[in-house]
C-alpha atoms as a PDB file:
ATOM      1  CA  MET A   1     151.858 112.467 143.175  1.00  0.00           C
ATOM      2  CA  SER A   2     149.361 111.170 139.926  1.00  0.00           C
ATOM      3  CA  THR A   3     145.626 111.300 140.673  1.00  0.00           C
ATOM      4  CA  PRO A   4     144.494 107.575 141.324  1.00  0.00           C
ATOM      5  CA  VAL A   5     143.100 105.915 138.835  1.00  0.00           C
ATOM      6  CA  ALA A   6     140.540 102.770 138.061  1.00  0.00           C
ATOM      7  CA  GLY A   7     143.342 100.758 136.585  1.00  0.00           C
ATOM      8  CA  PRO A   8     141.846  97.932 133.827  1.00  0.00           C
ATOM      9  CA  LEU A   9     139.595  96.013 136.206  1.00  0.00           C
ATOM     10  CA  SER A  10     136.115  97.518 134.306  1.00  0.00           C
ATOM     11  CA  THR A  11     133.768  95.486 133.003  1.00  0.00           C
ATOM     12  CA  ALA A  12     133.800  94.996 128.975  1.00  0.00           C
ATOM     13  CA  GLU A  13     130.172  97.260 129.572  1.00  0.00           C
ATOM     14  CA  GLN A  14     132.272 100.018 130.749  1.00  0.00           C
ATOM     15  CA  GLY A  15     135.138  99.277 127.442  1.00  0.00           C
ATOM     16  CA  MET A  16     137.631  96.578 127.885  1.00  0.00           C
ATOM     17  CA  THR A  17     141.389  98.342 128.096  1.00  0.00           C
ATOM     18  CA  LEU A  18     144.508  96.700 126.538  1.00  0.00           C
ATOM     19  CA  GLY A  19     148.024  95.741 128.126  1.00  0.00           C
ATOM     20  CA  VAL A  20     151.125  94.504 127.211  1.00  0.00           C
ATOM     21  CA  GLU A  21     153.875  92.831 129.902  1.00  0.00           C
ATOM     22  CA  LEU A  22     157.477  94.732 130.497  1.00  0.00           C
ATOM     23  CA  PRO A  23     160.385  93.219 129.356  1.00  0.00           C
ATOM     24  CA  SER A  24     161.650  92.062 132.707  1.00  0.00           C
ATOM     25  CA  ALA A  25     163.005  88.448 131.654  1.00  0.00           C
ATOM     26  CA  GLY A  26     166.021  87.001 130.170  1.00  0.00           C
ATOM     27  CA  ALA A  27     168.438  88.850 127.906  1.00  0.00           C
ATOM     28  CA  SER A  28     166.125  91.295 126.869  1.00  0.00           C
ATOM     29  CA  ALA A  29     165.298  92.731 130.068  1.00  0.00           C
ATOM     30  CA  SER A  30     167.518  95.954 131.341  1.00  0.00           C
ATOM     31  CA  PRO A  31     166.011  99.161 133.195  1.00  0.00           C
ATOM     32  CA  GLU A  32     166.442 101.158 129.646  1.00  0.00           C
ATOM     33  CA  GLU A  33     163.978  98.798 127.856  1.00  0.00           C
ATOM     34  CA  ILE A  34     161.483  98.150 130.514  1.00  0.00           C
ATOM     35  CA  VAL A  35     161.218 102.046 130.655  1.00  0.00           C
ATOM     36  CA  ARG A  36     161.140 102.616 126.981  1.00  0.00           C
ATOM     37  CA  VAL A  37     158.277  99.789 126.752  1.00  0.00           C
ATOM     38  CA  ALA A  38     156.126 101.191 129.390  1.00  0.00           C
ATOM     39  CA  ARG A  39     156.222 104.915 128.724  1.00  0.00           C
ATOM     40  CA  HIS A  40     155.596 104.104 125.238  1.00  0.00           C
ATOM     41  CA  ALA A  41     152.471 101.461 126.663  1.00  0.00           C
ATOM     42  CA  GLU A  42     151.380 104.361 128.242  1.00  0.00           C
ATOM     43  CA  ARG A  43     151.878 106.952 124.894  1.00  0.00           C
ATOM     44  CA  ILE A  44     149.793 104.784 122.511  1.00  0.00           C
ATOM     45  CA  GLY A  45     146.360 104.284 125.001  1.00  0.00           C
ATOM     46  CA  LEU A  46     147.766 101.156 126.890  1.00  0.00           C
ATOM     47  CA  ALA A  47     145.849 100.971 130.169  1.00  0.00           C
ATOM     48  CA  ALA A  48     148.273  98.866 131.714  1.00  0.00           C
ATOM     49  CA  VAL A  49     151.511  96.943 131.710  1.00  0.00           C
ATOM     50  CA  TRP A  50     152.938  93.776 133.261  1.00  0.00           C
ATOM     51  CA  THR A  51     154.761  91.940 135.554  1.00  0.00           C
ATOM     52  CA  PHE A  52     155.719  88.414 136.588  1.00  0.00           C
ATOM     53  CA  GLU A  53     157.411  86.429 139.681  1.00  0.00           C
ATOM     54  CA  ARG A  54     159.758  83.610 138.876  1.00  0.00           C
ATOM     55  CA  LEU A  55     162.547  83.083 142.068  1.00  0.00           C
ATOM     56  CA  LEU A  56     164.312  80.380 139.940  1.00  0.00           C
ATOM     57  CA  LEU A  57     164.796  78.238 136.601  1.00  0.00           C
ATOM     58  CA  PRO A  58     165.347  74.595 138.420  1.00  0.00           C
ATOM     59  CA  ALA A  59     169.052  73.158 136.932  1.00  0.00           C
ATOM     60  CA  GLY A  60     166.588  69.903 135.883  1.00  0.00           C
ATOM     61  CA  PRO A  61     162.729  69.850 135.126  1.00  0.00           C
ATOM     62  CA  ALA A  62     160.349  72.025 136.860  1.00  0.00           C
ATOM     63  CA  LYS A  63     158.123  69.730 138.445  1.00  0.00           C
ATOM     64  CA  MET A  64     154.523  70.406 139.397  1.00  0.00           C
ATOM     65  CA  ILE A  65     154.115  69.612 142.837  1.00  0.00           C
ATOM     66  CA  GLY A  66     151.644  66.243 142.135  1.00  0.00           C
ATOM     67  CA  GLY A  67     151.403  66.779 138.303  1.00  0.00           C
ATOM     68  CA  PRO A  68     153.929  66.741 135.527  1.00  0.00           C
ATOM     69  CA  GLU A  69     157.024  68.300 134.670  1.00  0.00           C
ATOM     70  CA  VAL A  70     156.964  71.061 132.845  1.00  0.00           C
ATOM     71  CA  PRO A  71     159.124  72.737 130.646  1.00  0.00           C
ATOM     72  CA  LEU A  72     160.175  76.234 131.348  1.00  0.00           C
ATOM     73  CA  PRO A  73     161.901  78.867 128.809  1.00  0.00           C
ATOM     74  CA  GLU A  74     165.663  79.682 129.699  1.00  0.00           C
ATOM     75  CA  ALA A  75     164.820  84.041 129.894  1.00  0.00           C
ATOM     76  CA  TYR A  76     163.220  82.330 133.718  1.00  0.00           C
ATOM     77  CA  GLY A  77     166.550  82.503 134.612  1.00  0.00           C
ATOM     78  CA  SER A  78     166.910  85.547 135.375  1.00  0.00           C
ATOM     79  CA  VAL A  79     163.608  87.424 136.312  1.00  0.00           C
ATOM     80  CA  TYR A  80     163.087  91.136 137.583  1.00  0.00           C
ATOM     81  CA  ASP A  81     161.240  91.524 140.804  1.00  0.00           C
ATOM     82  CA  PRO A  82     158.148  92.997 140.304  1.00  0.00           C
ATOM     83  CA  LEU A  83     157.223  94.915 142.672  1.00  0.00           C
ATOM     84  CA  GLU A  84     160.498  96.779 142.742  1.00  0.00           C
ATOM     85  CA  THR A  85     160.299  97.110 138.705  1.00  0.00           C
ATOM     86  CA  LEU A  86     156.485  98.519 139.134  1.00  0.00           C
ATOM     87  CA  SER A  87     158.146 100.598 141.829  1.00  0.00           C
ATOM     88  CA  TYR A  88     160.636 101.919 139.175  1.00  0.00           C
ATOM     89  CA  VAL A  89     158.064 102.605 136.138  1.00  0.00           C
ATOM     90  CA  ALA A  90     155.872 104.701 138.745  1.00  0.00           C
ATOM     91  CA  ALA A  91     158.255 106.874 138.599  1.00  0.00           C
ATOM     92  CA  VAL A  92     158.636 107.685 135.217  1.00  0.00           C
ATOM     93  CA  THR A  93     155.046 106.933 134.270  1.00  0.00           C
ATOM     94  CA  GLY A  94     151.998 108.768 135.137  1.00  0.00           C
ATOM     95  CA  ARG A  95     148.202 107.145 134.339  1.00  0.00           C
ATOM     96  CA  VAL A  96     149.327 103.750 133.443  1.00  0.00           C
ATOM     97  CA  ALA A  97     148.085 100.600 135.690  1.00  0.00           C
ATOM     98  CA  LEU A  98     150.893  98.073 136.969  1.00  0.00           C
ATOM     99  CA  GLY A  99     149.945  95.050 137.620  1.00  0.00           C
ATOM    100  CA  THR A 100     150.927  91.584 138.951  1.00  0.00           C
ATOM    101  CA  SER A 101     150.462  88.316 136.586  1.00  0.00           C
ATOM    102  CA  ILE A 102     151.408  87.113 139.036  1.00  0.00           C
ATOM    103  CA  VAL A 103     153.289  87.574 143.119  1.00  0.00           C
ATOM    104  CA  VAL A 104     153.325  83.646 144.589  1.00  0.00           C
ATOM    105  CA  ALA A 105     151.761  85.223 147.576  1.00  0.00           C
ATOM    106  CA  THR A 106     152.312  81.716 149.208  1.00  0.00           C
ATOM    107  CA  TYR A 107     156.230  82.523 148.949  1.00  0.00           C
ATOM    108  CA  HIS A 108     155.992  86.102 150.979  1.00  0.00           C
ATOM    109  CA  ASN A 109     155.105  86.529 154.896  1.00  0.00           C
ATOM    110  CA  PRO A 110     151.431  88.544 154.241  1.00  0.00           C
ATOM    111  CA  VAL A 111     152.890  91.503 156.960  1.00  0.00           C
ATOM    112  CA  VAL A 112     156.093  92.608 154.332  1.00  0.00           C
ATOM    113  CA  LEU A 113     153.943  91.619 151.452  1.00  0.00           C
ATOM    114  CA  ALA A 114     150.896  93.877 152.697  1.00  0.00           C
ATOM    115  CA  ARG A 115     153.471  96.891 152.989  1.00  0.00           C
ATOM    116  CA  ARG A 116     155.481  96.281 150.065  1.00  0.00           C
ATOM    117  CA  LEU A 117     152.060  96.411 147.816  1.00  0.00           C
ATOM    118  CA  ALA A 118     150.874  99.075 149.382  1.00  0.00           C
ATOM    119  CA  THR A 119     154.229 101.492 148.759  1.00  0.00           C
ATOM    120  CA  LEU A 120     153.951 100.665 145.585  1.00  0.00           C
ATOM    121  CA  ASP A 121     149.884 101.840 145.937  1.00  0.00           C
ATOM    122  CA  ARG A 122     151.084 104.796 147.348  1.00  0.00           C
ATOM    123  CA  LEU A 123     154.521 105.189 144.839  1.00  0.00           C
ATOM    124  CA  SER A 124     152.104 105.258 141.915  1.00  0.00           C
ATOM    125  CA  GLY A 125     148.776 106.998 143.138  1.00  0.00           C
ATOM    126  CA  GLY A 126     146.441 104.127 143.552  1.00  0.00           C
ATOM    127  CA  ARG A 127     147.407 102.221 140.306  1.00  0.00           C
ATOM    128  CA  LEU A 128     148.385  99.448 141.253  1.00  0.00           C
ATOM    129  CA  VAL A 129     146.524  96.118 140.253  1.00  0.00           C
ATOM    130  CA  ALA A 130     148.348  92.806 142.413  1.00  0.00           C
ATOM    131  CA  GLY A 131     147.611  89.582 140.723  1.00  0.00           C
ATOM    132  CA  LEU A 132     148.432  86.677 143.112  1.00  0.00           C
ATOM    133  CA  GLY A 133     149.019  82.976 142.948  1.00  0.00           C
ATOM    134  CA  GLN A 134     149.340  80.476 145.529  1.00  0.00           C
ATOM    135  CA  GLY A 135     152.531  78.250 143.523  1.00  0.00           C
ATOM    136  CA  TRP A 136     152.884  75.319 141.835  1.00  0.00           C
ATOM    137  CA  MET A 137     156.279  74.787 140.979  1.00  0.00           C
ATOM    138  CA  ALA A 138     158.610  71.978 143.746  1.00  0.00           C
ATOM    139  CA  ASP A 139     161.633  73.762 143.778  1.00  0.00           C
ATOM    140  CA  GLU A 140     160.634  77.391 144.672  1.00  0.00           C
ATOM    141  CA  PHE A 141     158.493  76.726 147.704  1.00  0.00           C
ATOM    142  CA  THR A 142     161.617  74.628 149.067  1.00  0.00           C
ATOM    143  CA  ALA A 143     163.849  77.471 148.269  1.00  0.00           C
ATOM    144  CA  ALA A 144     160.553  79.762 149.430  1.00  0.00           C
ATOM    145  CA  GLY A 145     161.039  77.367 153.193  1.00  0.00           C
ATOM    146  CA  VAL A 146     157.028  77.442 152.700  1.00  0.00           C
ATOM    147  CA  PRO A 147     155.879  73.810 153.217  1.00  0.00           C
ATOM    148  CA  PRO A 148     153.672  73.045 149.617  1.00  0.00           C
ATOM    149  CA  GLN A 149     151.011  70.993 151.221  1.00  0.00           C
ATOM    150  CA  ARG A 150     147.820  73.224 152.351  1.00  0.00           C
ATOM    151  CA  ARG A 151     148.805  76.292 149.747  1.00  0.00           C
ATOM    152  CA  GLY A 152     144.841  76.714 149.002  1.00  0.00           C
ATOM    153  CA  ALA A 153     144.031  77.369 152.419  1.00  0.00           C
ATOM    154  CA  ARG A 154     147.565  79.287 153.191  1.00  0.00           C
ATOM    155  CA  PHE A 155     146.434  81.457 150.186  1.00  0.00           C
ATOM    156  CA  GLU A 156     143.239  82.286 151.609  1.00  0.00           C
ATOM    157  CA  GLU A 157     144.113  83.063 154.924  1.00  0.00           C
ATOM    158  CA  LEU A 158     147.412  85.221 153.460  1.00  0.00           C
ATOM    159  CA  VAL A 159     144.923  87.265 151.864  1.00  0.00           C
ATOM    160  CA  THR A 160     142.720  87.710 154.767  1.00  0.00           C
ATOM    161  CA  ALA A 161     145.442  89.019 156.700  1.00  0.00           C
ATOM    162  CA  MET A 162     146.837  91.403 154.349  1.00  0.00           C
ATOM    163  CA  ARG A 163     143.261  93.089 154.152  1.00  0.00           C
ATOM    164  CA  THR A 164     143.441  93.076 157.693  1.00  0.00           C
ATOM    165  CA  VAL A 165     146.996  95.068 157.963  1.00  0.00           C
ATOM    166  CA  TRP A 166     145.618  97.477 155.179  1.00  0.00           C
ATOM    167  CA  GLN A 167     142.790  98.596 157.907  1.00  0.00           C
ATOM    168  CA  ALA A 168     142.481 101.164 160.290  1.00  0.00           C
ATOM    169  CA  ASP A 169     145.543 100.638 163.409  1.00  0.00           C
ATOM    170  CA  PRO A 170     145.728  99.278 165.465  1.00  0.00           C
ATOM    171  CA  VAL A 171     145.320  96.048 163.484  1.00  0.00           C
ATOM    172  CA  THR A 172     145.778  92.186 164.574  1.00  0.00           C
ATOM    173  CA  PHE A 173     145.342  88.763 163.308  1.00  0.00           C
ATOM    174  CA  GLU A 174     145.376  85.031 164.635  1.00  0.00           C
ATOM    175  CA  GLY A 175     144.675  82.307 161.983  1.00  0.00           C
ATOM    176  CA  ASP A 176     146.670  78.948 161.804  1.00  0.00           C
ATOM    177  CA  PHE A 177     149.532  79.954 159.168  1.00  0.00           C
ATOM    178  CA  TYR A 178     150.022  83.329 160.257  1.00  0.00           C
ATOM    179  CA  ARG A 179     149.779  85.600 163.887  1.00  0.00           C
ATOM    180  CA  ILE A 180     150.337  89.131 163.467  1.00  0.00           C
ATOM    181  CA  PRO A 181     150.089  91.204 167.091  1.00  0.00           C
ATOM    182  CA  PRO A 182     148.115  94.042 167.872  1.00  0.00           C
ATOM    183  CA  ALA A 183     149.932  96.889 165.953  1.00  0.00           C
ATOM    184  CA  HIS A 184     150.096  99.865 163.813  1.00  0.00           C
ATOM    185  CA  VAL A 185     151.278  98.816 160.446  1.00  0.00           C
ATOM    186  CA  GLY A 186     151.421 101.443 157.463  1.00  0.00           C
ATOM    187  CA  PRO A 187     151.541 102.649 154.781  1.00  0.00           C
ATOM    188  CA  LYS A 188     148.154 101.981 153.890  1.00  0.00           C
ATOM    189  CA  PRO A 189     146.603 101.785 150.383  1.00  0.00           C
ATOM    190  CA  VAL A 190     145.346 104.925 148.631  1.00  0.00           C
ATOM    191  CA  ARG A 191     141.875 102.935 148.854  1.00  0.00           C
ATOM    192  CA  PRO A 192     140.859 102.043 152.294  1.00  0.00           C
ATOM    193  CA  ASP A 193     139.653  98.918 150.572  1.00  0.00           C
ATOM    194  CA  GLY A 194     142.999  98.273 149.588  1.00  0.00           C
ATOM    195  CA  PRO A 195     144.437  98.044 145.896  1.00  0.00           C
ATOM    196  CA  ALA A 196     142.579  95.674 142.971  1.00  0.00           C
ATOM    197  CA  LEU A 197     142.920  92.283 143.507  1.00  0.00           C
ATOM    198  CA  LEU A 198     143.128  89.388 141.309  1.00  0.00           C
ATOM    199  CA  ALA A 199     143.799  85.415 141.496  1.00  0.00           C
ATOM    200  CA  GLY A 200     145.302  83.324 138.852  1.00  0.00           C
ATOM    201  CA  ALA A 201     143.474  80.287 138.863  1.00  0.00           C
ATOM    202  CA  THR A 202     142.663  77.360 137.071  1.00  0.00           C
ATOM    203  CA  SER A 203     141.536  74.535 139.552  1.00  0.00           C
ATOM    204  CA  PRO A 204     138.079  74.381 140.309  1.00  0.00           C
ATOM    205  CA  GLY A 205     139.419  74.731 144.010  1.00  0.00           C
ATOM    206  CA  SER A 206     141.634  77.976 143.602  1.00  0.00           C
ATOM    207  CA  LEU A 207     138.538  79.145 141.316  1.00  0.00           C
ATOM    208  CA  GLU A 208     135.813  78.799 143.700  1.00  0.00           C
ATOM    209  CA  ARG A 209     138.395  80.339 146.615  1.00  0.00           C
ATOM    210  CA  ALA A 210     139.339  83.413 144.506  1.00  0.00           C
ATOM    211  CA  ALA A 211     135.695  83.779 144.032  1.00  0.00           C
ATOM    212  CA  ARG A 212     134.590  83.004 147.940  1.00  0.00           C
ATOM    213  CA  LEU A 213     137.246  85.971 148.442  1.00  0.00           C
ATOM    214  CA  GLY A 214     135.815  88.584 146.497  1.00  0.00           C
ATOM    215  CA  LEU A 215     138.999  88.892 143.998  1.00  0.00           C
ATOM    216  CA  GLY A 216     138.905  89.416 140.778  1.00  0.00           C
ATOM    217  CA  LEU A 217     140.091  86.440 138.158  1.00  0.00           C
ATOM    218  CA  ASN A 218     143.386  86.987 135.901  1.00  0.00           C
ATOM    219  CA  VAL A 219     143.133  84.066 134.172  1.00  0.00           C
ATOM    220  CA  VAL A 220     145.490  82.673 131.487  1.00  0.00           C
ATOM    221  CA  MET A 221     143.689  82.016 127.452  1.00  0.00           C
ATOM    222  CA  MET A 222     144.676  78.477 126.392  1.00  0.00           C
ATOM    223  CA  THR A 223     141.508  77.351 124.734  1.00  0.00           C
ATOM    224  CA  TRP A 224     137.698  79.154 124.127  1.00  0.00           C
ATOM    225  CA  GLU A 225     136.375  75.834 125.498  1.00  0.00           C
ATOM    226  CA  ALA A 226     138.948  76.147 129.077  1.00  0.00           C
ATOM    227  CA  PHE A 227     138.430  80.038 129.121  1.00  0.00           C
ATOM    228  CA  HIS A 228     134.700  79.505 128.831  1.00  0.00           C
ATOM    229  CA  ASP A 229     134.413  77.011 131.673  1.00  0.00           C
ATOM    230  CA  SER A 230     136.852  78.285 133.877  1.00  0.00           C
ATOM    231  CA  VAL A 231     134.566  81.950 133.840  1.00  0.00           C
ATOM    232  CA  ALA A 232     131.450  80.400 134.160  1.00  0.00           C
ATOM    233  CA  MET A 233     132.622  78.413 137.174  1.00  0.00           C
ATOM    234  CA  PHE A 234     134.326  81.443 138.719  1.00  0.00           C
ATOM    235  CA  ARG A 235     130.816  83.700 138.212  1.00  0.00           C
ATOM    236  CA  ARG A 236     128.742  80.457 139.856  1.00  0.00           C
ATOM    237  CA  ALA A 237     131.216  80.083 142.827  1.00  0.00           C
ATOM    238  CA  ALA A 238     130.983  84.449 142.922  1.00  0.00           C
ATOM    239  CA  GLU A 239     126.634  83.715 143.212  1.00  0.00           C
ATOM    240  CA  ALA A 240     127.060  81.354 145.530  1.00  0.00           C
ATOM    241  CA  ALA A 241     128.812  83.162 148.370  1.00  0.00           C
ATOM    242  CA  GLY A 242     126.629  86.368 147.691  1.00  0.00           C
ATOM    243  CA  THR A 243     128.399  88.076 145.462  1.00  0.00           C
ATOM    244  CA  ASP A 244     127.362  90.103 142.141  1.00  0.00           C
ATOM    245  CA  PRO A 245     129.883  88.035 139.692  1.00  0.00           C
ATOM    246  CA  ALA A 246     129.848  91.645 137.794  1.00  0.00           C
ATOM    247  CA  THR A 247     131.225  93.130 140.164  1.00  0.00           C
ATOM    248  CA  LEU A 248     134.345  91.001 139.808  1.00  0.00           C
ATOM    249  CA  PRO A 249     136.480  91.770 137.222  1.00  0.00           C
ATOM    250  CA  VAL A 250     137.872  88.769 134.587  1.00  0.00           C
ATOM    251  CA  VAL A 251     141.237  89.886 133.058  1.00  0.00           C
ATOM    252  CA  VAL A 252     142.622  87.939 130.359  1.00  0.00           C
ATOM    253  CA  ARG A 253     146.152  87.612 129.731  1.00  0.00           C
ATOM    254  CA  VAL A 254     147.763  85.724 126.222  1.00  0.00           C
ATOM    255  CA  ASN A 255     150.682  83.830 125.751  1.00  0.00           C
ATOM    256  CA  GLY A 256     151.342  84.802 122.387  1.00  0.00           C
ATOM    257  CA  MET A 257     151.871  87.179 119.285  1.00  0.00           C
ATOM    258  CA  VAL A 258     150.126  89.808 117.818  1.00  0.00           C
ATOM    259  CA  THR A 259     151.692  89.120 114.283  1.00  0.00           C
ATOM    260  CA  GLU A 260     151.701  91.176 110.952  1.00  0.00           C
ATOM    261  CA  LYS A 261     149.922  88.408 108.549  1.00  0.00           C
ATOM    262  CA  ALA A 262     147.070  86.607 109.117  1.00  0.00           C
ATOM    263  CA  GLN A 263     148.117  82.828 111.084  1.00  0.00           C
ATOM    264  CA  ASP A 264     145.482  80.024 109.583  1.00  0.00           C
ATOM    265  CA  ASP A 265     146.642  77.864 112.879  1.00  0.00           C
ATOM    266  CA  ARG A 266     146.471  80.293 115.802  1.00  0.00           C
ATOM    267  CA  ALA A 267     146.046  80.311 119.457  1.00  0.00           C
ATOM    268  CA  PRO A 268     143.148  82.237 120.309  1.00  0.00           C
ATOM    269  CA  VAL A 269     143.622  86.107 120.592  1.00  0.00           C
ATOM    270  CA  THR A 270     146.660  86.065 118.833  1.00  0.00           C
ATOM    271  CA  GLY A 271     147.033  86.049 114.845  1.00  0.00           C
ATOM    272  CA  SER A 272     146.798  89.455 113.141  1.00  0.00           C
ATOM    273  CA  ALA A 273     145.553  92.665 114.447  1.00  0.00           C
ATOM    274  CA  GLU A 274     142.289  91.946 112.451  1.00  0.00           C
ATOM    275  CA  GLN A 275     141.986  88.442 113.697  1.00  0.00           C
ATOM    276  CA  VAL A 276     142.747  89.851 117.643  1.00  0.00           C
ATOM    277  CA  MET A 277     139.581  92.382 117.028  1.00  0.00           C
ATOM    278  CA  GLU A 278     137.474  89.164 116.567  1.00  0.00           C
ATOM    279  CA  ASP A 279     138.420  87.655 119.462  1.00  0.00           C
ATOM    280  CA  LEU A 280     138.247  90.997 121.694  1.00  0.00           C
ATOM    281  CA  ALA A 281     134.740  91.397 120.395  1.00  0.00           C
ATOM    282  CA  ARG A 282     133.821  87.537 121.742  1.00  0.00           C
ATOM    283  CA  LEU A 283     135.846  88.306 125.536  1.00  0.00           C
ATOM    284  CA  ARG A 284     134.058  91.588 125.374  1.00  0.00           C
ATOM    285  CA  SER A 285     130.520  90.056 124.900  1.00  0.00           C
ATOM    286  CA  ALA A 286     131.530  87.155 127.584  1.00  0.00           C
ATOM    287  CA  GLY A 287     132.221  89.919 130.502  1.00  0.00           C
ATOM    288  CA  VAL A 288     136.420  90.588 130.046  1.00  0.00           C
ATOM    289  CA  GLY A 289     136.969  93.741 131.044  1.00  0.00           C
ATOM    290  CA  HIS A 290     141.407  93.393 130.012  1.00  0.00           C
ATOM    291  CA  VAL A 291     143.005  92.025 128.468  1.00  0.00           C
ATOM    292  CA  PHE A 292     147.189  92.159 128.062  1.00  0.00           C
ATOM    293  CA  TRP A 293     149.606  90.500 125.748  1.00  0.00           C
ATOM    294  CA  ALA A 294     152.656  88.462 127.460  1.00  0.00           C
ATOM    295  CA  MET A 295     155.071  88.338 124.246  1.00  0.00           C
ATOM    296  CA  ASP A 296     158.075  86.089 124.247  1.00  0.00           C
ATOM    297  CA  THR A 297     159.948  88.373 121.754  1.00  0.00           C
ATOM    298  CA  GLN A 298     162.382  91.617 121.724  1.00  0.00           C
ATOM    299  CA  PRO A 299     160.950  94.953 123.210  1.00  0.00           C
ATOM    300  CA  ASP A 300     160.685  96.158 119.387  1.00  0.00           C
ATOM    301  CA  GLU A 301     158.704  92.992 118.534  1.00  0.00           C
ATOM    302  CA  ARG A 302     156.522  93.544 121.385  1.00  0.00           C
ATOM    303  CA  LEU A 303     156.265  97.348 120.829  1.00  0.00           C
ATOM    304  CA  ALA A 304     155.309  96.486 116.918  1.00  0.00           C
ATOM    305  CA  ALA A 305     152.703  94.444 118.123  1.00  0.00           C
ATOM    306  CA  MET A 306     150.976  96.367 119.899  1.00  0.00           C
ATOM    307  CA  ASP A 307     151.039  99.259 117.555  1.00  0.00           C
ATOM    308  CA  ARG A 308     149.501  97.447 114.942  1.00  0.00           C
ATOM    309  CA  LEU A 309     146.530  96.725 117.461  1.00  0.00           C
ATOM    310  CA  THR A 310     146.151  99.971 118.645  1.00  0.00           C
ATOM    311  CA  THR A 311     145.522 101.389 115.289  1.00  0.00           C
ATOM    312  CA  LEU A 312     142.677  99.331 115.047  1.00  0.00           C
ATOM    313  CA  THR A 313     140.731 100.062 118.656  1.00  0.00           C
END
């Protein structure tokens, strides 16, 4: 078994690390391509590879709970399960951290999810970084058999219940949504305090909740203004909860490309490798410890993109 690693959850002062999403969705997804990208990422020195959870692609418009309809890519009609995918990757890699961005925690039972995460953490030698979210798509809550009401409170209780499962046996838990009778539950994660946990959070309530729970932040880069606002709100909430914000990692997900040529009209942390390097310096100064790219491209294109970037780092 490989030696446990800290993963990509460092602070900017300790050195920013980079990662890439695996091709786990759509027509280009296959066991062979997933392994090829993971091995290449490890070979060129990336710190982490990432997957995500999507239960289904609605036949009609995807509806946000309490919000508008959202267009989704056709690739979401076939998405490899993130934890099984990362277990497969763990067997053919030895160093790279294995991240989810994100698993929708509220779709799962806390005992089952805690055991699955701990199993992956054990199989990988402590390389798991579990990004968790509370969900937003009405059809997925219906399919999971979970009511969307009070999903923020459900998420908080689920995280607390999972952390209880990872403690010394016997464990027990009593909450509004979940109950665990006194029992021995294993395996336990590699580290006594459990695997590294992030929260995919955007709203003020979810940012406050993540900070209060002592989770790291997995923020999707949209605009610089939205990024700085979210991080500032998260860190203020951590201070209010009595936690040093510097101890809570910030991981940035970039839904975009590192291109061959410079782009005049570009989203943050996209464009040529030189343009991206300028943005990475800005993220580093904001205390970001890890950045990864989720690219809607063929595997060869995403590998070439990361090659361009790593030659400059």
